[in-house]
Amino acid sequence: FLTHFTNNNPNKRRVAFAAPYPGHILPIDLAEIGGELT
């Protein structure tokens, strides 16, 4: 299963995620790299 988080409020709302061990998070816009990442 994957967990789906949805905002049901007319205003903006935030949800945060983190990995289980030290490191860095890479934000990747798939549209800018051709739509595919392995």
Full PDB file with SEQRES, HELIX, SHEET, SSBOND, CRYST1, ORIGX, SCALE, CONECT and MASTER records, all heavy atoms in Angstrom:
SEQRES   1 A   38  PHE LEU THR HIS PHE THR ASN ASN ASN PRO ASN LYS ARG          
SEQRES   2 A   38  ARG VAL ALA PHE ALA ALA PRO TYR PRO GLY HIS ILE LEU          
SEQRES   3 A   38  PRO ILE ASP LEU ALA GLU ILE GLY GLY GLU LEU THR              
HELIX    1 AA1 LEU A   30  ILE A   33  5                                   4    
CRYST1    1.000    1.000    1.000  90.00  90.00  90.00 P 1           1          
ORIGX1      1.000000  0.000000  0.000000        0.00000                         
ORIGX2      0.000000  1.000000  0.000000        0.00000                         
ORIGX3      0.000000  0.000000  1.000000        0.00000                         
SCALE1      1.000000  0.000000  0.000000        0.00000                         
SCALE2      0.000000  1.000000  0.000000        0.00000                         
SCALE3      0.000000  0.000000  1.000000        0.00000                         
ATOM      1  N   PHE A   1       0.815  -1.206   0.000  1.00  0.00           N  
ATOM      2  CA  PHE A   1       0.000   0.000   0.000  1.00  0.00           C  
ATOM      3  C   PHE A   1       0.856   1.266   0.000  1.00  0.00           C  
ATOM      4  O   PHE A   1       1.974   1.291   0.514  1.00  0.00           O  
ATOM      5  CB  PHE A   1      -0.911   0.025   1.230  1.00  0.00           C  
ATOM      6  CG  PHE A   1      -1.924  -1.092   1.252  1.00  0.00           C  
ATOM      7  CD1 PHE A   1      -1.607  -2.319   1.807  1.00  0.00           C  
ATOM      8  CD2 PHE A   1      -3.188  -0.912   0.716  1.00  0.00           C  
ATOM      9  CE1 PHE A   1      -2.538  -3.350   1.833  1.00  0.00           C  
ATOM     10  CE2 PHE A   1      -4.119  -1.927   0.735  1.00  0.00           C  
ATOM     11  CZ  PHE A   1      -3.792  -3.160   1.291  1.00  0.00           C  
ATOM     12  N   LEU A   2       0.303   2.313  -0.597  1.00  0.00           N  
ATOM     13  CA  LEU A   2       0.842   3.660  -0.505  1.00  0.00           C  
ATOM     14  C   LEU A   2      -0.174   4.508   0.250  1.00  0.00           C  
ATOM     15  O   LEU A   2      -1.383   4.275   0.166  1.00  0.00           O  
ATOM     16  CB  LEU A   2       1.086   4.250  -1.890  1.00  0.00           C  
ATOM     17  CG  LEU A   2       2.250   3.674  -2.691  1.00  0.00           C  
ATOM     18  CD1 LEU A   2       2.167   4.130  -4.144  1.00  0.00           C  
ATOM     19  CD2 LEU A   2       3.588   4.086  -2.080  1.00  0.00           C  
ATOM     20  N   THR A   3       0.311   5.499   0.991  1.00  0.00           N  
ATOM     21  CA  THR A   3      -0.586   6.374   1.733  1.00  0.00           C  
ATOM     22  C   THR A   3      -0.843   7.643   0.924  1.00  0.00           C  
ATOM     23  O   THR A   3       0.095   8.290   0.460  1.00  0.00           O  
ATOM     24  CB  THR A   3       0.009   6.738   3.106  1.00  0.00           C  
ATOM     25  OG1 THR A   3       0.398   5.541   3.778  1.00  0.00           O  
ATOM     26  CG2 THR A   3      -1.022   7.463   3.952  1.00  0.00           C  
ATOM     27  N   HIS A   4      -2.132   7.985   0.746  1.00  0.00           N  
ATOM     28  CA  HIS A   4      -2.543   9.166  -0.008  1.00  0.00           C  
ATOM     29  C   HIS A   4      -2.994  10.244   0.983  1.00  0.00           C  
ATOM     30  O   HIS A   4      -3.921  10.028   1.767  1.00  0.00           O  
ATOM     31  CB  HIS A   4      -3.689   8.824  -0.956  1.00  0.00           C  
ATOM     32  CG  HIS A   4      -3.310   7.867  -2.042  1.00  0.00           C  
ATOM     33  ND1 HIS A   4      -3.606   8.089  -3.369  1.00  0.00           N  
ATOM     34  CD2 HIS A   4      -2.635   6.681  -2.014  1.00  0.00           C  
ATOM     35  CE1 HIS A   4      -3.152   7.082  -4.101  1.00  0.00           C  
ATOM     36  NE2 HIS A   4      -2.555   6.216  -3.294  1.00  0.00           N  
ATOM     37  N   PHE A   5      -2.338  11.408   0.934  1.00  0.00           N  
ATOM     38  CA  PHE A   5      -2.665  12.536   1.807  1.00  0.00           C  
ATOM     39  C   PHE A   5      -3.352  13.616   0.975  1.00  0.00           C  
ATOM     40  O   PHE A   5      -2.793  14.090  -0.012  1.00  0.00           O  
ATOM     41  CB  PHE A   5      -1.403  13.099   2.460  1.00  0.00           C  
ATOM     42  CG  PHE A   5      -0.705  12.128   3.380  1.00  0.00           C  
ATOM     43  CD1 PHE A   5       0.184  11.185   2.871  1.00  0.00           C  
ATOM     44  CD2 PHE A   5      -0.945  12.155   4.744  1.00  0.00           C  
ATOM     45  CE1 PHE A   5       0.828  10.297   3.709  1.00  0.00           C  
ATOM     46  CE2 PHE A   5      -0.299  11.258   5.592  1.00  0.00           C  
ATOM     47  CZ  PHE A   5       0.579  10.324   5.068  1.00  0.00           C  
ATOM     48  N   THR A   6      -4.556  14.033   1.395  1.00  0.00           N  
ATOM     49  CA  THR A   6      -5.358  14.981   0.630  1.00  0.00           C  
ATOM     50  C   THR A   6      -5.798  16.134   1.512  1.00  0.00           C  
ATOM     51  O   THR A   6      -6.208  15.925   2.666  1.00  0.00           O  
ATOM     52  CB  THR A   6      -6.601  14.289   0.040  1.00  0.00           C  
ATOM     53  OG1 THR A   6      -6.194  13.177  -0.754  1.00  0.00           O  
ATOM     54  CG2 THR A   6      -7.409  15.253  -0.819  1.00  0.00           C  
ATOM     55  N   ASN A   7      -5.727  17.351   0.984  1.00  0.00           N  
ATOM     56  CA  ASN A   7      -6.193  18.542   1.687  1.00  0.00           C  
ATOM     57  C   ASN A   7      -7.666  18.778   1.360  1.00  0.00           C  
ATOM     58  O   ASN A   7      -8.032  18.966   0.199  1.00  0.00           O  
ATOM     59  CB  ASN A   7      -5.362  19.765   1.286  1.00  0.00           C  
ATOM     60  CG  ASN A   7      -5.867  21.036   1.949  1.00  0.00           C  
ATOM     61  OD1 ASN A   7      -6.555  20.995   2.974  1.00  0.00           O  
ATOM     62  ND2 ASN A   7      -5.530  22.184   1.386  1.00  0.00           N  
ATOM     63  N   ASN A   8      -8.519  18.806   2.392  1.00  0.00           N  
ATOM     64  CA  ASN A   8      -9.950  19.029   2.212  1.00  0.00           C  
ATOM     65  C   ASN A   8     -10.391  20.417   2.671  1.00  0.00           C  
ATOM     66  O   ASN A   8     -11.585  20.699   2.733  1.00  0.00           O  
ATOM     67  CB  ASN A   8     -10.745  17.969   2.981  1.00  0.00           C  
ATOM     68  CG  ASN A   8     -10.463  16.568   2.472  1.00  0.00           C  
ATOM     69  OD1 ASN A   8     -10.746  16.243   1.330  1.00  0.00           O  
ATOM     70  ND2 ASN A   8      -9.872  15.734   3.318  1.00  0.00           N  
ATOM     71  N   ASN A   9      -9.430  21.282   2.984  1.00  0.00           N  
ATOM     72  CA  ASN A   9      -9.742  22.634   3.458  1.00  0.00           C  
ATOM     73  C   ASN A   9      -9.582  23.628   2.308  1.00  0.00           C  
ATOM     74  O   ASN A   9      -8.697  23.467   1.470  1.00  0.00           O  
ATOM     75  CB  ASN A   9      -8.797  23.010   4.610  1.00  0.00           C  
ATOM     76  CG  ASN A   9      -9.220  24.272   5.333  1.00  0.00           C  
ATOM     77  OD1 ASN A   9      -9.101  25.373   4.801  1.00  0.00           O  
ATOM     78  ND2 ASN A   9      -9.707  24.103   6.543  1.00  0.00           N  
ATOM     79  N   PRO A  10     -10.437  24.681   2.245  1.00  0.00           N  
ATOM     80  CA  PRO A  10     -10.271  25.687   1.184  1.00  0.00           C  
ATOM     81  C   PRO A  10      -8.910  26.389   1.235  1.00  0.00           C  
ATOM     82  O   PRO A  10      -8.431  26.895   0.216  1.00  0.00           O  
ATOM     83  CB  PRO A  10     -11.405  26.679   1.452  1.00  0.00           C  
ATOM     84  CG  PRO A  10     -12.413  25.896   2.236  1.00  0.00           C  
ATOM     85  CD  PRO A  10     -11.628  24.925   3.059  1.00  0.00           C  
ATOM     86  N   ASN A  11      -8.289  26.431   2.415  1.00  0.00           N  
ATOM     87  CA  ASN A  11      -6.981  27.059   2.569  1.00  0.00           C  
ATOM     88  C   ASN A  11      -5.871  26.031   2.378  1.00  0.00           C  
ATOM     89  O   ASN A  11      -6.087  24.831   2.429  1.00  0.00           O  
ATOM     90  CB  ASN A  11      -6.866  27.701   3.950  1.00  0.00           C  
ATOM     91  CG  ASN A  11      -7.926  28.761   4.183  1.00  0.00           C  
ATOM     92  OD1 ASN A  11      -8.163  29.608   3.320  1.00  0.00           O  
ATOM     93  ND2 ASN A  11      -8.581  28.706   5.342  1.00  0.00           N  
ATOM     94  N   LYS A  12      -4.667  26.543   2.168  1.00  0.00           N  
ATOM     95  CA  LYS A  12      -3.507  25.654   2.001  1.00  0.00           C  
ATOM     96  C   LYS A  12      -3.195  24.944   3.315  1.00  0.00           C  
ATOM     97  O   LYS A  12      -3.302  25.520   4.395  1.00  0.00           O  
ATOM     98  CB  LYS A  12      -2.283  26.461   1.549  1.00  0.00           C  
ATOM     99  CG  LYS A  12      -2.428  27.118   0.179  1.00  0.00           C  
ATOM    100  CD  LYS A  12      -1.187  27.935  -0.155  1.00  0.00           C  
ATOM    101  CE  LYS A  12      -1.324  28.666  -1.481  1.00  0.00           C  
ATOM    102  NZ  LYS A  12      -1.324  27.744  -2.624  1.00  0.00           N  
ATOM    103  N   ARG A  13      -2.798  23.703   3.211  1.00  0.00           N  
ATOM    104  CA  ARG A  13      -2.412  22.914   4.373  1.00  0.00           C  
ATOM    105  C   ARG A  13      -1.119  22.173   4.062  1.00  0.00           C  
ATOM    106  O   ARG A  13      -0.797  21.917   2.904  1.00  0.00           O  
ATOM    107  CB  ARG A  13      -3.510  21.922   4.756  1.00  0.00           C  
ATOM    108  CG  ARG A  13      -4.747  22.578   5.359  1.00  0.00           C  
ATOM    109  CD  ARG A  13      -4.427  23.157   6.723  1.00  0.00           C  
ATOM    110  NE  ARG A  13      -5.589  23.731   7.377  1.00  0.00           N  
ATOM    111  CZ  ARG A  13      -5.908  25.016   7.360  1.00  0.00           C  
ATOM    112  NH1 ARG A  13      -5.124  25.869   6.681  1.00  0.00           N  
ATOM    113  NH2 ARG A  13      -6.966  25.467   7.988  1.00  0.00           N  
ATOM    114  N   ARG A  14      -0.363  21.821   5.114  1.00  0.00           N  
ATOM    115  CA  ARG A  14       0.956  21.219   4.925  1.00  0.00           C  
ATOM    116  C   ARG A  14       1.070  19.860   5.610  1.00  0.00           C  
ATOM    117  O   ARG A  14       0.487  19.629   6.663  1.00  0.00           O  
ATOM    118  CB  ARG A  14       2.043  22.150   5.470  1.00  0.00           C  
ATOM    119  CG  ARG A  14       2.200  23.436   4.650  1.00  0.00           C  
ATOM    120  CD  ARG A  14       3.388  24.240   5.105  1.00  0.00           C  
ATOM    121  NE  ARG A  14       3.786  25.232   4.110  1.00  0.00           N  
ATOM    122  CZ  ARG A  14       5.030  25.550   3.820  1.00  0.00           C  
ATOM    123  NH1 ARG A  14       6.020  24.953   4.455  1.00  0.00           N  
ATOM    124  NH2 ARG A  14       5.308  26.451   2.915  1.00  0.00           N  
ATOM    125  N   VAL A  15       1.863  18.990   4.977  1.00  0.00           N  
ATOM    126  CA  VAL A  15       2.179  17.676   5.526  1.00  0.00           C  
ATOM    127  C   VAL A  15       3.664  17.432   5.292  1.00  0.00           C  
ATOM    128  O   VAL A  15       4.209  17.832   4.262  1.00  0.00           O  
ATOM    129  CB  VAL A  15       1.306  16.579   4.870  1.00  0.00           C  
ATOM    130  CG1 VAL A  15       1.447  16.585   3.355  1.00  0.00           C  
ATOM    131  CG2 VAL A  15       1.638  15.201   5.442  1.00  0.00           C  
ATOM    132  N   ALA A  16       4.325  16.818   6.271  1.00  0.00           N  
ATOM    133  CA  ALA A  16       5.783  16.665   6.223  1.00  0.00           C  
ATOM    134  C   ALA A  16       6.186  15.195   6.218  1.00  0.00           C  
ATOM    135  O   ALA A  16       5.533  14.341   6.821  1.00  0.00           O  
ATOM    136  CB  ALA A  16       6.424  17.374   7.415  1.00  0.00           C  
ATOM    137  N   PHE A  17       7.311  14.924   5.515  1.00  0.00           N  
ATOM    138  CA  PHE A  17       7.822  13.562   5.386  1.00  0.00           C  
ATOM    139  C   PHE A  17       9.335  13.559   5.621  1.00  0.00           C  
ATOM    140  O   PHE A  17      10.029  14.519   5.290  1.00  0.00           O  
ATOM    141  CB  PHE A  17       7.536  13.004   3.985  1.00  0.00           C  
ATOM    142  CG  PHE A  17       6.095  13.065   3.590  1.00  0.00           C  
ATOM    143  CD1 PHE A  17       5.611  14.157   2.873  1.00  0.00           C  
ATOM    144  CD2 PHE A  17       5.225  12.055   3.941  1.00  0.00           C  
ATOM    145  CE1 PHE A  17       4.284  14.217   2.500  1.00  0.00           C  
ATOM    146  CE2 PHE A  17       3.888  12.105   3.575  1.00  0.00           C  
ATOM    147  CZ  PHE A  17       3.414  13.190   2.858  1.00  0.00           C  
ATOM    148  N   ALA A  18       9.822  12.465   6.172  1.00  0.00           N  
ATOM    149  CA  ALA A  18      11.261  12.309   6.390  1.00  0.00           C  
ATOM    150  C   ALA A  18      11.631  10.845   6.232  1.00  0.00           C  
ATOM    151  O   ALA A  18      10.811   9.950   6.454  1.00  0.00           O  
ATOM    152  CB  ALA A  18      11.666  12.816   7.769  1.00  0.00           C  
ATOM    153  N   ALA A  19      12.877  10.598   5.845  1.00  0.00           N  
ATOM    154  CA  ALA A  19      13.372   9.231   5.696  1.00  0.00           C  
ATOM    155  C   ALA A  19      13.800   8.681   7.054  1.00  0.00           C  
ATOM    156  O   ALA A  19      14.037   9.444   8.001  1.00  0.00           O  
ATOM    157  CB  ALA A  19      14.539   9.209   4.717  1.00  0.00           C  
ATOM    158  N   PRO A  20      13.922   7.357   7.183  1.00  0.00           N  
ATOM    159  CA  PRO A  20      14.216   6.748   8.483  1.00  0.00           C  
ATOM    160  C   PRO A  20      15.681   6.759   8.891  1.00  0.00           C  
ATOM    161  O   PRO A  20      16.021   6.245   9.947  1.00  0.00           O  
ATOM    162  CB  PRO A  20      13.716   5.314   8.303  1.00  0.00           C  
ATOM    163  CG  PRO A  20      13.872   5.049   6.853  1.00  0.00           C  
ATOM    164  CD  PRO A  20      13.586   6.349   6.162  1.00  0.00           C  
ATOM    165  N   TYR A  21      16.580   7.334   8.070  1.00  0.00           N  
ATOM    166  CA  TYR A  21      17.999   7.383   8.442  1.00  0.00           C  
ATOM    167  C   TYR A  21      18.616   8.662   7.888  1.00  0.00           C  
ATOM    168  O   TYR A  21      18.061   9.285   6.985  1.00  0.00           O  
ATOM    169  CB  TYR A  21      18.757   6.140   7.941  1.00  0.00           C  
ATOM    170  CG  TYR A  21      18.705   5.915   6.451  1.00  0.00           C  
ATOM    171  CD1 TYR A  21      19.687   6.426   5.617  1.00  0.00           C  
ATOM    172  CD2 TYR A  21      17.686   5.164   5.884  1.00  0.00           C  
ATOM    173  CE1 TYR A  21      19.652   6.218   4.251  1.00  0.00           C  
ATOM    174  CE2 TYR A  21      17.640   4.943   4.516  1.00  0.00           C  
ATOM    175  CZ  TYR A  21      18.629   5.466   3.708  1.00  0.00           C  
ATOM    176  OH  TYR A  21      18.588   5.254   2.363  1.00  0.00           O  
ATOM    177  N   PRO A  22      19.756   9.094   8.437  1.00  0.00           N  
ATOM    178  CA  PRO A  22      20.342  10.385   8.059  1.00  0.00           C  
ATOM    179  C   PRO A  22      20.688  10.468   6.577  1.00  0.00           C  
ATOM    180  O   PRO A  22      21.113   9.492   5.963  1.00  0.00           O  
ATOM    181  CB  PRO A  22      21.616  10.467   8.923  1.00  0.00           C  
ATOM    182  CG  PRO A  22      21.350   9.554  10.061  1.00  0.00           C  
ATOM    183  CD  PRO A  22      20.515   8.444   9.522  1.00  0.00           C  
ATOM    184  N   GLY A  23      20.505  11.654   6.027  1.00  0.00           N  
ATOM    185  CA  GLY A  23      20.823  11.865   4.623  1.00  0.00           C  
ATOM    186  C   GLY A  23      20.154  13.113   4.094  1.00  0.00           C  
ATOM    187  O   GLY A  23      19.776  14.006   4.858  1.00  0.00           O  
ATOM    188  N   HIS A  24      19.990  13.178   2.790  1.00  0.00           N  
ATOM    189  CA  HIS A  24      19.417  14.342   2.138  1.00  0.00           C  
ATOM    190  C   HIS A  24      18.244  13.945   1.256  1.00  0.00           C  
ATOM    191  O   HIS A  24      18.200  12.835   0.711  1.00  0.00           O  
ATOM    192  CB  HIS A  24      20.475  15.062   1.284  1.00  0.00           C  
ATOM    193  CG  HIS A  24      21.524  15.757   2.086  1.00  0.00           C  
ATOM    194  ND1 HIS A  24      22.552  15.079   2.693  1.00  0.00           N  
ATOM    195  CD2 HIS A  24      21.697  17.068   2.389  1.00  0.00           C  
ATOM    196  CE1 HIS A  24      23.332  15.945   3.338  1.00  0.00           C  
ATOM    197  NE2 HIS A  24      22.826  17.151   3.172  1.00  0.00           N  
ATOM    198  N   ILE A  25      17.307  14.868   1.125  1.00  0.00           N  
ATOM    199  CA  ILE A  25      16.128  14.663   0.290  1.00  0.00           C  
ATOM    200  C   ILE A  25      16.342  15.396  -1.034  1.00  0.00           C  
ATOM    201  O   ILE A  25      16.694  16.575  -1.046  1.00  0.00           O  
ATOM    202  CB  ILE A  25      14.858  15.164   0.993  1.00  0.00           C  
ATOM    203  CG1 ILE A  25      14.598  14.326   2.255  1.00  0.00           C  
ATOM    204  CG2 ILE A  25      13.658  15.106   0.059  1.00  0.00           C  
ATOM    205  CD1 ILE A  25      13.463  14.843   3.116  1.00  0.00           C  
ATOM    206  N   LEU A  26      16.141  14.700  -2.136  1.00  0.00           N  
ATOM    207  CA  LEU A  26      16.311  15.281  -3.463  1.00  0.00           C  
ATOM    208  C   LEU A  26      14.940  15.612  -4.053  1.00  0.00           C  
ATOM    209  O   LEU A  26      14.143  14.709  -4.300  1.00  0.00           O  
ATOM    210  CB  LEU A  26      17.025  14.307  -4.398  1.00  0.00           C  
ATOM    211  CG  LEU A  26      18.382  13.774  -3.950  1.00  0.00           C  
ATOM    212  CD1 LEU A  26      18.903  12.779  -4.981  1.00  0.00           C  
ATOM    213  CD2 LEU A  26      19.365  14.901  -3.766  1.00  0.00           C  
ATOM    214  N   PRO A  27      14.651  16.907  -4.262  1.00  0.00           N  
ATOM    215  CA  PRO A  27      13.409  17.267  -4.960  1.00  0.00           C  
ATOM    216  C   PRO A  27      13.637  17.225  -6.463  1.00  0.00           C  
ATOM    217  O   PRO A  27      14.537  17.885  -6.987  1.00  0.00           O  
ATOM    218  CB  PRO A  27      13.150  18.695  -4.465  1.00  0.00           C  
ATOM    219  CG  PRO A  27      14.514  19.239  -4.162  1.00  0.00           C  
ATOM    220  CD  PRO A  27      15.407  18.072  -3.796  1.00  0.00           C  
ATOM    221  N   ILE A  28      12.876  16.438  -7.167  1.00  0.00           N  
ATOM    222  CA  ILE A  28      13.083  16.252  -8.601  1.00  0.00           C  
ATOM    223  C   ILE A  28      11.783  16.534  -9.350  1.00  0.00           C  
ATOM    224  O   ILE A  28      10.756  15.897  -9.076  1.00  0.00           O  
ATOM    225  CB  ILE A  28      13.571  14.823  -8.898  1.00  0.00           C  
ATOM    226  CG1 ILE A  28      14.936  14.585  -8.212  1.00  0.00           C  
ATOM    227  CG2 ILE A  28      13.690  14.588 -10.402  1.00  0.00           C  
ATOM    228  CD1 ILE A  28      15.457  13.192  -8.326  1.00  0.00           C  
ATOM    229  N   ASP A  29      11.844  17.499 -10.263  1.00  0.00           N  
ATOM    230  CA  ASP A  29      10.709  17.793 -11.135  1.00  0.00           C  
ATOM    231  C   ASP A  29      10.809  16.856 -12.342  1.00  0.00           C  
ATOM    232  O   ASP A  29      11.672  17.015 -13.200  1.00  0.00           O  
ATOM    233  CB  ASP A  29      10.753  19.259 -11.580  1.00  0.00           C  
ATOM    234  CG  ASP A  29       9.494  19.678 -12.320  1.00  0.00           C  
ATOM    235  OD1 ASP A  29       8.759  18.788 -12.806  1.00  0.00           O  
ATOM    236  OD2 ASP A  29       9.230  20.895 -12.403  1.00  0.00           O  
ATOM    237  N   LEU A  30       9.929  15.867 -12.379  1.00  0.00           N  
ATOM    238  CA  LEU A  30      10.013  14.862 -13.438  1.00  0.00           C  
ATOM    239  C   LEU A  30       9.831  15.470 -14.820  1.00  0.00           C  
ATOM    240  O   LEU A  30      10.404  14.981 -15.799  1.00  0.00           O  
ATOM    241  CB  LEU A  30       8.967  13.767 -13.192  1.00  0.00           C  
ATOM    242  CG  LEU A  30       9.191  12.908 -11.936  1.00  0.00           C  
ATOM    243  CD1 LEU A  30       8.031  11.936 -11.744  1.00  0.00           C  
ATOM    244  CD2 LEU A  30      10.505  12.153 -12.007  1.00  0.00           C  
ATOM    245  N   ALA A  31       9.062  16.542 -14.918  1.00  0.00           N  
ATOM    246  CA  ALA A  31       8.850  17.181 -16.218  1.00  0.00           C  
ATOM    247  C   ALA A  31      10.146  17.752 -16.772  1.00  0.00           C  
ATOM    248  O   ALA A  31      10.344  17.796 -17.991  1.00  0.00           O  
ATOM    249  CB  ALA A  31       7.797  18.283 -16.098  1.00  0.00           C  
ATOM    250  N   GLU A  32      11.055  18.167 -15.900  1.00  0.00           N  
ATOM    251  CA  GLU A  32      12.303  18.784 -16.346  1.00  0.00           C  
ATOM    252  C   GLU A  32      13.356  17.767 -16.765  1.00  0.00           C  
ATOM    253  O   GLU A  32      14.341  18.131 -17.406  1.00  0.00           O  
ATOM    254  CB  GLU A  32      12.867  19.679 -15.236  1.00  0.00           C  
ATOM    255  CG  GLU A  32      12.016  20.916 -14.940  1.00  0.00           C  
ATOM    256  CD  GLU A  32      12.654  21.805 -13.897  1.00  0.00           C  
ATOM    257  OE1 GLU A  32      13.697  21.389 -13.326  1.00  0.00           O  
ATOM    258  OE2 GLU A  32      12.121  22.893 -13.638  1.00  0.00           O  
ATOM    259  N   ILE A  33      13.184  16.508 -16.401  1.00  0.00           N  
ATOM    260  CA  ILE A  33      14.183  15.483 -16.726  1.00  0.00           C  
ATOM    261  C   ILE A  33      13.657  14.477 -17.748  1.00  0.00           C  
ATOM    262  O   ILE A  33      14.211  13.385 -17.896  1.00  0.00           O  
ATOM    263  CB  ILE A  33      14.667  14.754 -15.464  1.00  0.00           C  
ATOM    264  CG1 ILE A  33      13.522  14.002 -14.792  1.00  0.00           C  
ATOM    265  CG2 ILE A  33      15.319  15.723 -14.494  1.00  0.00           C  
ATOM    266  CD1 ILE A  33      13.974  13.063 -13.687  1.00  0.00           C  
ATOM    267  N   GLY A  34      12.569  14.821 -18.411  1.00  0.00           N  
ATOM    268  CA  GLY A  34      12.045  13.926 -19.431  1.00  0.00           C  
ATOM    269  C   GLY A  34      10.952  12.998 -18.969  1.00  0.00           C  
ATOM    270  O   GLY A  34      10.512  12.117 -19.729  1.00  0.00           O  
ATOM    271  N   GLY A  35      10.503  13.166 -17.723  1.00  0.00           N  
ATOM    272  CA  GLY A  35       9.356  12.404 -17.247  1.00  0.00           C  
ATOM    273  C   GLY A  35       9.648  11.038 -16.680  1.00  0.00           C  
ATOM    274  O   GLY A  35       8.721  10.292 -16.353  1.00  0.00           O  
ATOM    275  N   GLU A  36      10.927  10.687 -16.502  1.00  0.00           N  
ATOM    276  CA  GLU A  36      11.243   9.348 -16.006  1.00  0.00           C  
ATOM    277  C   GLU A  36      12.504   9.369 -15.165  1.00  0.00           C  
ATOM    278  O   GLU A  36      13.496  10.005 -15.520  1.00  0.00           O  
ATOM    279  CB  GLU A  36      11.410   8.364 -17.168  1.00  0.00           C  
ATOM    280  CG  GLU A  36      11.667   6.930 -16.733  1.00  0.00           C  
ATOM    281  CD  GLU A  36      11.777   5.968 -17.912  1.00  0.00           C  
ATOM    282  OE1 GLU A  36      11.538   6.404 -19.052  1.00  0.00           O  
ATOM    283  OE2 GLU A  36      12.106   4.792 -17.674  1.00  0.00           O  
ATOM    284  N   LEU A  37      12.460   8.648 -14.031  1.00  0.00           N  
ATOM    285  CA  LEU A  37      13.620   8.509 -13.151  1.00  0.00           C  
ATOM    286  C   LEU A  37      13.666   7.085 -12.636  1.00  0.00           C  
ATOM    287  O   LEU A  37      12.649   6.535 -12.200  1.00  0.00           O  
ATOM    288  CB  LEU A  37      13.510   9.481 -11.971  1.00  0.00           C  
ATOM    289  CG  LEU A  37      14.681   9.466 -10.978  1.00  0.00           C  
ATOM    290  CD1 LEU A  37      15.892  10.177 -11.581  1.00  0.00           C  
ATOM    291  CD2 LEU A  37      14.289  10.128  -9.657  1.00  0.00           C  
ATOM    292  N   THR A  38      14.842   6.472 -12.697  1.00  0.00           N  
ATOM    293  CA  THR A  38      15.049   5.135 -12.145  1.00  0.00           C  
ATOM    294  C   THR A  38      15.884   5.264 -10.877  1.00  0.00           C  
ATOM    295  O   THR A  38      16.919   5.934 -10.872  1.00  0.00           O  
ATOM    296  CB  THR A  38      15.774   4.226 -13.153  1.00  0.00           C  
ATOM    297  OG1 THR A  38      15.020   4.196 -14.374  1.00  0.00           O  
ATOM    298  CG2 THR A  38      15.895   2.817 -12.610  1.00  0.00           C  
TER     299      THR A  38                                                      
MASTER        0    0    0    1    0    0    0    6  298    1    0    3          
END                                                                             
